[in-house]
Amino acid sequence: MTYFITQITGFRILAGLLFSLLLTTNGYTQNGNGSSQNTSQSIISVSVSASIQTSIQVETLSNINFGRVFPGMSEIYINPRQDAGAGIMRITGQPNTLVRVSFLERRELVRVGGGQNLFFNFEVSAASEDDQFISEPLTMENRQIALSENGDFYFWIGGRMDLQGISFGQYEGEFTLEIDYI
């Protein structure tokens, strides 16, 4: 009666390029006999600068631990802000930079060997410090966060799983946390 959650992480690196174009026209030039002649000269100057942000590293510090599951239990709930069984992830990137976090809140867990699958509804809380109890829940409204002065940010992963009517066995699934620089 073991449940497994595999954590897969994704990230994207964003690079910004700034182009500027300067076009100037001017000119009178002097010919060899001392008279001036109206000529036109075009100067094109292109400057390019790039702001390349460092990659985001994602590290799983611990997997979700459901503890013991017994027949007759109707659900499992892991509170990401309070339970020691919550999974922990840390991202590291460019300090004090805004990032956008996305993940699917509901994932299917597949029973190894076949049979009925079940669903896990993920809940995620996050903080710039490694302190689960000060972490704040991530909702659809607050998924843009600033990395700490060290470039770190921590995530605690928990959630709810309905066990009614399922066959006991081993279930596998994945949790994907995607991080993008803004």
N, C-alpha and C. Protein backbone atom coordinates (compact mmCIF):
# COMPACT_ATOMS: atom_id res chain seq x y z
N MET A 1 0.83 -1.18 0.00
CA MET A 1 0.00 0.00 0.00
C MET A 1 0.88 1.24 0.00
N THR A 2 1.59 1.40 -1.07
CA THR A 2 2.49 2.54 -1.17
C THR A 2 2.02 3.45 -2.28
N TYR A 3 2.08 4.75 -2.05
CA TYR A 3 1.73 5.74 -3.05
C TYR A 3 2.99 6.52 -3.38
N PHE A 4 3.22 6.75 -4.64
CA PHE A 4 4.39 7.50 -5.07
C PHE A 4 3.97 8.70 -5.88
N ILE A 5 4.64 9.81 -5.70
CA ILE A 5 4.47 10.99 -6.56
C ILE A 5 5.86 11.29 -7.11
N THR A 6 6.00 11.29 -8.40
CA THR A 6 7.27 11.64 -9.03
C THR A 6 7.21 13.10 -9.36
N GLN A 7 8.25 13.84 -9.05
CA GLN A 7 8.25 15.28 -9.32
C GLN A 7 9.14 15.55 -10.52
N ILE A 8 8.58 16.19 -11.51
CA ILE A 8 9.31 16.59 -12.71
C ILE A 8 9.24 18.09 -12.79
N THR A 9 10.33 18.70 -13.08
CA THR A 9 10.35 20.15 -13.09
C THR A 9 10.69 20.66 -14.47
N GLY A 10 10.19 21.83 -14.77
CA GLY A 10 10.50 22.48 -16.04
C GLY A 10 10.83 23.92 -15.79
N PHE A 11 11.60 24.44 -16.65
CA PHE A 11 11.90 25.85 -16.55
C PHE A 11 12.18 26.39 -17.94
N ARG A 12 12.11 27.66 -18.07
CA ARG A 12 12.43 28.34 -19.31
C ARG A 12 13.37 29.49 -19.01
N ILE A 13 14.26 29.72 -19.93
CA ILE A 13 15.16 30.86 -19.82
C ILE A 13 14.70 31.89 -20.83
N LEU A 14 14.53 33.10 -20.37
CA LEU A 14 14.11 34.18 -21.26
C LEU A 14 15.27 35.11 -21.48
N ALA A 15 15.48 35.51 -22.70
CA ALA A 15 16.53 36.49 -23.00
C ALA A 15 15.88 37.65 -23.72
N GLY A 16 16.30 38.82 -23.40
CA GLY A 16 15.73 40.01 -24.03
C GLY A 16 16.79 40.68 -24.89
N LEU A 17 16.40 41.10 -26.05
CA LEU A 17 17.30 41.83 -26.93
C LEU A 17 16.72 43.20 -27.21
N LEU A 18 17.58 44.18 -27.22
CA LEU A 18 17.16 45.55 -27.48
C LEU A 18 17.92 46.04 -28.70
N PHE A 19 17.19 46.47 -29.70
CA PHE A 19 17.81 46.97 -30.92
C PHE A 19 17.46 48.44 -31.08
N SER A 20 18.42 49.20 -31.50
CA SER A 20 18.12 50.59 -31.82
C SER A 20 18.76 50.91 -33.15
N LEU A 21 18.09 51.72 -33.92
CA LEU A 21 18.55 52.09 -35.25
C LEU A 21 18.58 53.60 -35.34
N LEU A 22 19.71 54.14 -35.76
CA LEU A 22 19.86 55.57 -35.87
C LEU A 22 20.21 55.88 -37.32
N LEU A 23 19.42 56.69 -37.94
CA LEU A 23 19.65 57.06 -39.33
C LEU A 23 19.77 58.57 -39.40
N THR A 24 20.92 59.04 -39.87
CA THR A 24 21.11 60.48 -40.00
C THR A 24 21.54 60.80 -41.41
N THR A 25 21.14 61.96 -41.89
CA THR A 25 21.52 62.43 -43.21
C THR A 25 21.98 63.86 -43.06
N ASN A 26 23.14 64.17 -43.62
CA ASN A 26 23.61 65.54 -43.59
C ASN A 26 24.62 65.74 -44.70
N GLY A 27 24.96 67.01 -44.95
CA GLY A 27 26.14 67.21 -45.71
C GLY A 27 26.18 68.19 -46.84
N TYR A 28 27.22 68.92 -46.78
CA TYR A 28 27.77 69.69 -47.88
C TYR A 28 29.24 69.33 -47.90
N THR A 29 29.79 69.02 -49.02
CA THR A 29 31.21 68.77 -49.12
C THR A 29 31.83 69.79 -50.06
N GLN A 30 33.11 69.97 -49.95
CA GLN A 30 33.81 70.95 -50.78
C GLN A 30 34.57 70.22 -51.87
N ASN A 31 34.38 70.69 -53.14
CA ASN A 31 35.12 70.04 -54.21
C ASN A 31 36.49 70.68 -54.35
N GLY A 32 37.29 70.20 -55.24
CA GLY A 32 38.67 70.65 -55.37
C GLY A 32 38.85 72.09 -55.80
N ASN A 33 37.90 72.77 -56.41
CA ASN A 33 38.09 74.15 -56.87
C ASN A 33 37.56 75.18 -55.89
N GLY A 34 37.25 74.83 -54.65
CA GLY A 34 36.86 75.78 -53.63
C GLY A 34 35.38 76.04 -53.53
N SER A 35 34.57 75.52 -54.43
CA SER A 35 33.12 75.72 -54.32
C SER A 35 32.52 74.55 -53.57
N SER A 36 31.39 74.84 -52.93
CA SER A 36 30.76 73.76 -52.19
C SER A 36 29.72 73.08 -53.06
N GLN A 37 29.52 71.83 -52.79
CA GLN A 37 28.61 71.03 -53.58
C GLN A 37 27.66 70.33 -52.61
N ASN A 38 26.37 70.33 -52.91
CA ASN A 38 25.38 69.70 -52.06
C ASN A 38 25.44 68.19 -52.29
N THR A 39 25.83 67.46 -51.25
CA THR A 39 25.85 66.00 -51.34
C THR A 39 25.06 65.46 -50.17
N SER A 40 24.70 64.26 -50.27
CA SER A 40 23.94 63.63 -49.20
C SER A 40 24.73 62.43 -48.70
N GLN A 41 24.80 62.29 -47.40
CA GLN A 41 25.52 61.20 -46.79
C GLN A 41 24.59 60.52 -45.80
N SER A 42 24.49 59.21 -45.86
CA SER A 42 23.65 58.46 -44.93
C SER A 42 24.54 57.65 -44.01
N ILE A 43 24.25 57.74 -42.75
CA ILE A 43 24.99 56.96 -41.76
C ILE A 43 23.97 56.08 -41.03
N ILE A 44 24.23 54.82 -41.03
CA ILE A 44 23.36 53.89 -40.31
C ILE A 44 24.18 53.29 -39.18
N SER A 45 23.64 53.39 -38.01
CA SER A 45 24.32 52.85 -36.83
C SER A 45 23.36 51.91 -36.12
N VAL A 46 23.78 50.71 -35.90
CA VAL A 46 22.95 49.73 -35.19
C VAL A 46 23.71 49.30 -33.95
N SER A 47 23.06 49.42 -32.80
CA SER A 47 23.68 48.91 -31.58
C SER A 47 22.79 47.81 -31.02
N VAL A 48 23.40 46.77 -30.51
CA VAL A 48 22.68 45.63 -29.97
C VAL A 48 23.18 45.37 -28.56
N SER A 49 22.24 45.19 -27.65
CA SER A 49 22.62 44.78 -26.30
C SER A 49 21.72 43.63 -25.90
N ALA A 50 22.22 42.75 -25.08
CA ALA A 50 21.45 41.59 -24.65
C ALA A 50 21.47 41.51 -23.13
N SER A 51 20.33 41.17 -22.57
CA SER A 51 20.22 40.91 -21.15
C SER A 51 19.86 39.44 -21.00
N ILE A 52 20.84 38.61 -20.70
CA ILE A 52 20.61 37.17 -20.61
C ILE A 52 20.54 36.80 -19.14
N GLN A 53 19.43 36.20 -18.76
CA GLN A 53 19.22 35.85 -17.36
C GLN A 53 19.72 34.43 -17.12
N THR A 54 20.23 34.20 -15.94
CA THR A 54 20.74 32.89 -15.59
C THR A 54 19.61 31.87 -15.58
N SER A 55 19.98 30.62 -15.75
CA SER A 55 18.98 29.57 -15.74
C SER A 55 18.42 29.41 -14.32
N ILE A 56 17.27 28.80 -14.25
CA ILE A 56 16.64 28.51 -12.97
C ILE A 56 16.92 27.05 -12.65
N GLN A 57 17.49 26.81 -11.49
CA GLN A 57 17.74 25.45 -11.05
C GLN A 57 16.64 25.04 -10.09
N VAL A 58 16.15 23.82 -10.26
CA VAL A 58 15.08 23.31 -9.42
C VAL A 58 15.60 22.06 -8.72
N GLU A 59 15.42 22.04 -7.41
CA GLU A 59 15.90 20.91 -6.62
C GLU A 59 14.76 20.39 -5.74
N THR A 60 14.55 19.07 -5.78
CA THR A 60 13.57 18.45 -4.89
C THR A 60 14.30 18.10 -3.60
N LEU A 61 13.86 18.73 -2.50
CA LEU A 61 14.49 18.47 -1.20
C LEU A 61 13.86 17.27 -0.51
N SER A 62 12.55 17.05 -0.72
CA SER A 62 11.90 15.84 -0.22
C SER A 62 10.59 15.61 -0.99
N ASN A 63 10.25 14.34 -1.15
CA ASN A 63 9.01 13.96 -1.82
C ASN A 63 7.85 14.00 -0.85
N ILE A 64 6.64 14.00 -1.37
CA ILE A 64 5.45 13.94 -0.52
C ILE A 64 5.44 12.59 0.20
N ASN A 65 5.17 12.63 1.50
CA ASN A 65 5.08 11.41 2.31
C ASN A 65 3.66 11.31 2.85
N PHE A 66 2.91 10.34 2.34
CA PHE A 66 1.51 10.17 2.75
C PHE A 66 1.38 9.45 4.09
N GLY A 67 2.45 8.90 4.59
CA GLY A 67 2.35 8.13 5.83
C GLY A 67 1.67 6.80 5.56
N ARG A 68 1.08 6.24 6.58
CA ARG A 68 0.39 4.95 6.44
C ARG A 68 -1.03 5.16 5.97
N VAL A 69 -1.44 4.32 5.04
CA VAL A 69 -2.79 4.37 4.51
C VAL A 69 -3.45 3.04 4.87
N PHE A 70 -4.61 3.13 5.52
CA PHE A 70 -5.30 1.93 5.98
C PHE A 70 -6.64 1.76 5.27
N PRO A 71 -7.10 0.49 5.13
CA PRO A 71 -8.44 0.27 4.57
C PRO A 71 -9.49 1.02 5.41
N GLY A 72 -10.46 1.58 4.76
CA GLY A 72 -11.51 2.31 5.45
C GLY A 72 -11.26 3.82 5.50
N MET A 73 -10.06 4.26 5.17
CA MET A 73 -9.79 5.71 5.12
C MET A 73 -10.53 6.29 3.92
N SER A 74 -11.16 7.44 4.12
CA SER A 74 -11.92 8.04 3.03
C SER A 74 -11.10 9.02 2.20
N GLU A 75 -10.09 9.63 2.83
CA GLU A 75 -9.23 10.55 2.08
C GLU A 75 -7.90 10.73 2.80
N ILE A 76 -6.94 11.27 2.03
CA ILE A 76 -5.66 11.67 2.58
C ILE A 76 -5.53 13.17 2.32
N TYR A 77 -5.09 13.90 3.34
CA TYR A 77 -4.86 15.33 3.15
C TYR A 77 -3.51 15.69 3.73
N ILE A 78 -2.68 16.31 2.91
CA ILE A 78 -1.38 16.83 3.34
C ILE A 78 -1.46 18.35 3.22
N ASN A 79 -1.39 19.04 4.36
CA ASN A 79 -1.43 20.50 4.36
C ASN A 79 -0.03 21.02 4.04
N PRO A 80 0.13 21.76 2.92
CA PRO A 80 1.47 22.20 2.55
C PRO A 80 2.08 23.22 3.51
N ARG A 81 1.28 23.86 4.33
CA ARG A 81 1.78 24.86 5.27
C ARG A 81 2.08 24.29 6.66
N GLN A 82 1.58 23.08 6.95
CA GLN A 82 1.71 22.58 8.32
C GLN A 82 2.24 21.15 8.44
N ASP A 83 2.00 20.30 7.44
CA ASP A 83 2.37 18.88 7.57
C ASP A 83 3.82 18.62 7.22
N ALA A 84 4.47 17.83 8.07
CA ALA A 84 5.86 17.44 7.82
C ALA A 84 5.97 16.55 6.59
N GLY A 85 4.87 15.93 6.14
CA GLY A 85 4.88 15.06 4.97
C GLY A 85 4.79 15.80 3.65
N ALA A 86 4.70 17.12 3.67
CA ALA A 86 4.63 17.88 2.42
C ALA A 86 5.95 17.76 1.67
N GLY A 87 5.87 17.67 0.35
CA GLY A 87 7.07 17.68 -0.47
C GLY A 87 7.69 19.07 -0.46
N ILE A 88 9.00 19.14 -0.64
CA ILE A 88 9.69 20.44 -0.61
C ILE A 88 10.55 20.57 -1.86
N MET A 89 10.42 21.72 -2.52
CA MET A 89 11.26 22.04 -3.68
C MET A 89 11.87 23.42 -3.47
N ARG A 90 13.08 23.59 -4.01
CA ARG A 90 13.74 24.90 -3.96
C ARG A 90 14.16 25.26 -5.37
N ILE A 91 13.88 26.52 -5.75
CA ILE A 91 14.39 27.01 -7.02
C ILE A 91 15.46 28.06 -6.73
N THR A 92 16.43 28.12 -7.60
CA THR A 92 17.50 29.11 -7.48
C THR A 92 17.70 29.75 -8.84
N GLY A 93 17.73 31.08 -8.85
CA GLY A 93 17.90 31.82 -10.09
C GLY A 93 18.54 33.16 -9.81
N GLN A 94 18.29 34.10 -10.69
CA GLN A 94 18.85 35.45 -10.56
C GLN A 94 18.20 36.16 -9.37
N PRO A 95 18.98 36.65 -8.40
CA PRO A 95 18.42 37.29 -7.20
C PRO A 95 17.49 38.45 -7.53
N ASN A 96 16.45 38.60 -6.71
CA ASN A 96 15.48 39.71 -6.78
C ASN A 96 14.77 39.83 -8.11
N THR A 97 14.62 38.73 -8.83
CA THR A 97 13.97 38.74 -10.14
C THR A 97 12.57 38.15 -10.03
N LEU A 98 11.63 38.72 -10.78
CA LEU A 98 10.27 38.19 -10.82
C LEU A 98 10.20 36.95 -11.68
N VAL A 99 9.48 35.94 -11.18
CA VAL A 99 9.22 34.73 -11.95
C VAL A 99 7.73 34.41 -11.87
N ARG A 100 7.26 33.67 -12.85
CA ARG A 100 5.87 33.20 -12.86
C ARG A 100 5.90 31.69 -12.63
N VAL A 101 5.05 31.23 -11.73
CA VAL A 101 4.97 29.82 -11.37
C VAL A 101 3.66 29.25 -11.92
N SER A 102 3.74 28.08 -12.52
CA SER A 102 2.50 27.44 -12.97
C SER A 102 2.58 25.94 -12.69
N PHE A 103 1.43 25.36 -12.44
CA PHE A 103 1.32 23.92 -12.22
C PHE A 103 -0.14 23.53 -12.39
N LEU A 104 -0.37 22.26 -12.71
CA LEU A 104 -1.73 21.74 -12.78
C LEU A 104 -2.16 21.35 -11.38
N GLU A 105 -3.33 21.81 -10.99
CA GLU A 105 -3.79 21.56 -9.62
C GLU A 105 -4.37 20.17 -9.44
N ARG A 106 -4.80 19.54 -10.51
CA ARG A 106 -5.40 18.21 -10.41
C ARG A 106 -4.67 17.27 -11.36
N ARG A 107 -4.17 16.16 -10.81
CA ARG A 107 -3.44 15.18 -11.62
C ARG A 107 -3.96 13.78 -11.35
N GLU A 108 -3.94 12.98 -12.39
CA GLU A 108 -4.36 11.59 -12.27
C GLU A 108 -3.18 10.73 -11.84
N LEU A 109 -3.42 9.84 -10.89
CA LEU A 109 -2.43 8.87 -10.45
C LEU A 109 -2.87 7.51 -10.99
N VAL A 110 -1.96 6.81 -11.65
CA VAL A 110 -2.26 5.56 -12.32
C VAL A 110 -1.88 4.39 -11.42
N ARG A 111 -2.79 3.43 -11.30
CA ARG A 111 -2.53 2.24 -10.47
C ARG A 111 -1.61 1.31 -11.24
N VAL A 112 -0.47 0.98 -10.63
CA VAL A 112 0.48 0.05 -11.23
C VAL A 112 -0.18 -1.32 -11.32
N GLY A 113 -0.15 -1.93 -12.49
CA GLY A 113 -0.78 -3.23 -12.69
C GLY A 113 -2.21 -3.11 -13.18
N GLY A 114 -2.69 -1.89 -13.39
CA GLY A 114 -4.03 -1.69 -13.92
C GLY A 114 -5.07 -1.50 -12.83
N GLY A 115 -6.25 -1.23 -13.25
CA GLY A 115 -7.33 -0.97 -12.31
C GLY A 115 -7.74 0.49 -12.32
N GLN A 116 -8.54 0.85 -11.35
CA GLN A 116 -9.07 2.21 -11.26
C GLN A 116 -7.98 3.19 -10.85
N ASN A 117 -7.90 4.31 -11.55
CA ASN A 117 -6.97 5.37 -11.20
C ASN A 117 -7.62 6.29 -10.18
N LEU A 118 -6.83 7.14 -9.57
CA LEU A 118 -7.39 8.12 -8.65
C LEU A 118 -6.80 9.49 -8.96
N PHE A 119 -7.38 10.51 -8.36
CA PHE A 119 -6.95 11.88 -8.63
C PHE A 119 -6.42 12.53 -7.37
N PHE A 120 -5.38 13.32 -7.56
CA PHE A 120 -4.78 14.07 -6.47
C PHE A 120 -4.93 15.55 -6.78
N ASN A 121 -5.50 16.30 -5.85
CA ASN A 121 -5.66 17.75 -6.00
C ASN A 121 -4.53 18.42 -5.22
N PHE A 122 -3.57 18.99 -5.97
CA PHE A 122 -2.39 19.58 -5.35
C PHE A 122 -2.69 20.93 -4.73
N GLU A 123 -2.03 21.20 -3.62
CA GLU A 123 -2.00 22.51 -2.99
C GLU A 123 -0.53 22.85 -2.78
N VAL A 124 -0.16 24.08 -3.11
CA VAL A 124 1.22 24.50 -3.02
C VAL A 124 1.30 25.79 -2.21
N SER A 125 2.26 25.85 -1.31
CA SER A 125 2.55 27.09 -0.61
C SER A 125 4.01 27.43 -0.87
N ALA A 126 4.36 28.71 -0.71
CA ALA A 126 5.72 29.15 -1.08
C ALA A 126 6.19 30.26 -0.17
N ALA A 127 7.52 30.37 -0.05
CA ALA A 127 8.14 31.44 0.73
C ALA A 127 9.56 31.66 0.24
N SER A 128 10.07 32.86 0.47
CA SER A 128 11.44 33.17 0.06
C SER A 128 12.46 32.61 1.05
N GLU A 129 11.98 32.14 2.19
CA GLU A 129 12.85 31.53 3.20
C GLU A 129 12.46 30.07 3.38
N ASP A 130 13.39 29.27 3.89
CA ASP A 130 13.13 27.86 4.15
C ASP A 130 12.38 27.72 5.48
N ASP A 131 11.13 28.18 5.48
CA ASP A 131 10.29 28.14 6.68
C ASP A 131 8.85 27.84 6.25
N GLN A 132 8.47 26.58 6.36
CA GLN A 132 7.17 26.12 5.92
C GLN A 132 6.01 26.88 6.57
N PHE A 133 6.16 27.25 7.82
CA PHE A 133 5.05 27.84 8.56
C PHE A 133 4.77 29.29 8.19
N ILE A 134 5.71 29.96 7.53
CA ILE A 134 5.43 31.33 7.05
C ILE A 134 5.06 31.34 5.57
N SER A 135 5.06 30.15 4.94
CA SER A 135 4.74 30.09 3.51
C SER A 135 3.29 30.48 3.27
N GLU A 136 3.04 31.02 2.08
CA GLU A 136 1.70 31.46 1.68
C GLU A 136 1.19 30.56 0.56
N PRO A 137 -0.10 30.22 0.59
CA PRO A 137 -0.66 29.39 -0.50
C PRO A 137 -0.53 30.09 -1.85
N LEU A 138 -0.17 29.32 -2.87
CA LEU A 138 -0.16 29.84 -4.24
C LEU A 138 -1.55 29.63 -4.83
N THR A 139 -2.14 30.70 -5.28
CA THR A 139 -3.46 30.64 -5.93
C THR A 139 -3.31 31.17 -7.34
N MET A 140 -4.38 31.17 -8.07
CA MET A 140 -4.34 31.70 -9.44
C MET A 140 -3.97 33.18 -9.44
N GLU A 141 -4.24 33.89 -8.36
CA GLU A 141 -4.00 35.33 -8.30
C GLU A 141 -2.57 35.71 -7.92
N ASN A 142 -1.82 34.82 -7.29
CA ASN A 142 -0.50 35.23 -6.81
C ASN A 142 0.61 34.31 -7.29
N ARG A 143 0.63 34.00 -8.53
CA ARG A 143 1.65 33.10 -9.05
C ARG A 143 2.85 33.84 -9.65
N GLN A 144 2.95 35.14 -9.40
CA GLN A 144 4.15 35.89 -9.78
C GLN A 144 4.88 36.21 -8.48
N ILE A 145 6.10 35.73 -8.38
CA ILE A 145 6.86 35.89 -7.14
C ILE A 145 8.24 36.47 -7.44
N ALA A 146 8.85 37.06 -6.44
CA ALA A 146 10.21 37.60 -6.56
C ALA A 146 11.17 36.67 -5.83
N LEU A 147 12.23 36.28 -6.50
CA LEU A 147 13.25 35.46 -5.86
C LEU A 147 13.92 36.27 -4.76
N SER A 148 14.45 35.61 -3.76
CA SER A 148 15.08 36.29 -2.62
C SER A 148 16.38 36.97 -3.03
N GLU A 149 17.01 37.65 -2.09
CA GLU A 149 18.30 38.30 -2.33
C GLU A 149 19.37 37.28 -2.70
N ASN A 150 19.19 36.04 -2.28
CA ASN A 150 20.12 34.96 -2.64
C ASN A 150 19.71 34.25 -3.92
N GLY A 151 18.52 34.59 -4.44
CA GLY A 151 18.02 33.96 -5.65
C GLY A 151 17.22 32.69 -5.39
N ASP A 152 16.88 32.41 -4.12
CA ASP A 152 16.16 31.18 -3.76
C ASP A 152 14.68 31.44 -3.56
N PHE A 153 13.89 30.39 -3.69
CA PHE A 153 12.48 30.40 -3.32
C PHE A 153 12.10 28.96 -3.04
N TYR A 154 11.26 28.75 -2.01
CA TYR A 154 10.90 27.41 -1.55
C TYR A 154 9.42 27.14 -1.77
N PHE A 155 9.11 25.88 -2.10
CA PHE A 155 7.74 25.44 -2.33
C PHE A 155 7.46 24.19 -1.52
N TRP A 156 6.29 24.15 -0.89
CA TRP A 156 5.82 22.98 -0.16
C TRP A 156 4.61 22.46 -0.90
N ILE A 157 4.63 21.15 -1.23
CA ILE A 157 3.58 20.56 -2.04
C ILE A 157 2.80 19.57 -1.20
N GLY A 158 1.50 19.76 -1.15
CA GLY A 158 0.59 18.86 -0.46
C GLY A 158 -0.66 18.72 -1.30
N GLY A 159 -1.75 18.35 -0.65
CA GLY A 159 -3.01 18.25 -1.37
C GLY A 159 -3.93 17.20 -0.79
N ARG A 160 -4.96 16.91 -1.56
CA ARG A 160 -6.05 16.05 -1.11
C ARG A 160 -6.29 14.93 -2.12
N MET A 161 -6.51 13.71 -1.58
CA MET A 161 -6.78 12.56 -2.42
C MET A 161 -7.96 11.79 -1.84
N ASP A 162 -8.99 11.58 -2.66
CA ASP A 162 -10.18 10.83 -2.25
C ASP A 162 -9.90 9.34 -2.42
N LEU A 163 -10.06 8.56 -1.35
CA LEU A 163 -9.76 7.14 -1.37
C LEU A 163 -11.01 6.26 -1.46
N GLN A 164 -12.18 6.85 -1.48
CA GLN A 164 -13.41 6.06 -1.49
C GLN A 164 -13.55 5.28 -2.80
N GLY A 165 -13.77 3.99 -2.65
CA GLY A 165 -14.03 3.13 -3.80
C GLY A 165 -12.79 2.75 -4.59
N ILE A 166 -11.61 2.98 -4.09
CA ILE A 166 -10.42 2.63 -4.86
C ILE A 166 -9.86 1.31 -4.36
N SER A 167 -9.08 0.68 -5.21
CA SER A 167 -8.37 -0.54 -4.82
C SER A 167 -7.02 -0.15 -4.25
N PHE A 168 -6.65 -0.76 -3.15
CA PHE A 168 -5.35 -0.46 -2.57
C PHE A 168 -4.27 -1.07 -3.45
N GLY A 169 -3.16 -0.38 -3.53
CA GLY A 169 -2.05 -0.80 -4.36
C GLY A 169 -1.08 0.34 -4.53
N GLN A 170 -0.23 0.23 -5.52
CA GLN A 170 0.76 1.27 -5.79
C GLN A 170 0.26 2.15 -6.93
N TYR A 171 0.30 3.47 -6.71
CA TYR A 171 -0.13 4.45 -7.70
C TYR A 171 1.03 5.38 -8.02
N GLU A 172 1.13 5.76 -9.28
CA GLU A 172 2.20 6.65 -9.69
C GLU A 172 1.64 7.82 -10.47
N GLY A 173 2.30 8.95 -10.34
CA GLY A 173 1.90 10.14 -11.06
C GLY A 173 3.03 11.14 -11.04
N GLU A 174 2.77 12.32 -11.52
CA GLU A 174 3.80 13.34 -11.56
C GLU A 174 3.24 14.69 -11.17
N PHE A 175 4.12 15.51 -10.68
CA PHE A 175 3.79 16.90 -10.37
C PHE A 175 4.80 17.76 -11.12
N THR A 176 4.32 18.66 -11.95
CA THR A 176 5.19 19.51 -12.75
C THR A 176 5.06 20.94 -12.28
N LEU A 177 6.17 21.53 -11.92
CA LEU A 177 6.23 22.93 -11.50
C LEU A 177 7.02 23.66 -12.58
N GLU A 178 6.38 24.60 -13.25
CA GLU A 178 7.04 25.34 -14.33
C GLU A 178 7.33 26.75 -13.86
N ILE A 179 8.57 27.20 -14.08
CA ILE A 179 9.03 28.51 -13.63
C ILE A 179 9.50 29.28 -14.86
N ASP A 180 9.00 30.51 -15.03
CA ASP A 180 9.42 31.38 -16.14
C ASP A 180 9.85 32.73 -15.59
N TYR A 181 10.97 33.25 -16.10
CA TYR A 181 11.31 34.64 -15.79
C TYR A 181 10.28 35.54 -16.45
N ILE A 182 9.95 36.64 -15.80
CA ILE A 182 9.00 37.60 -16.36
C ILE A 182 9.80 38.73 -16.98
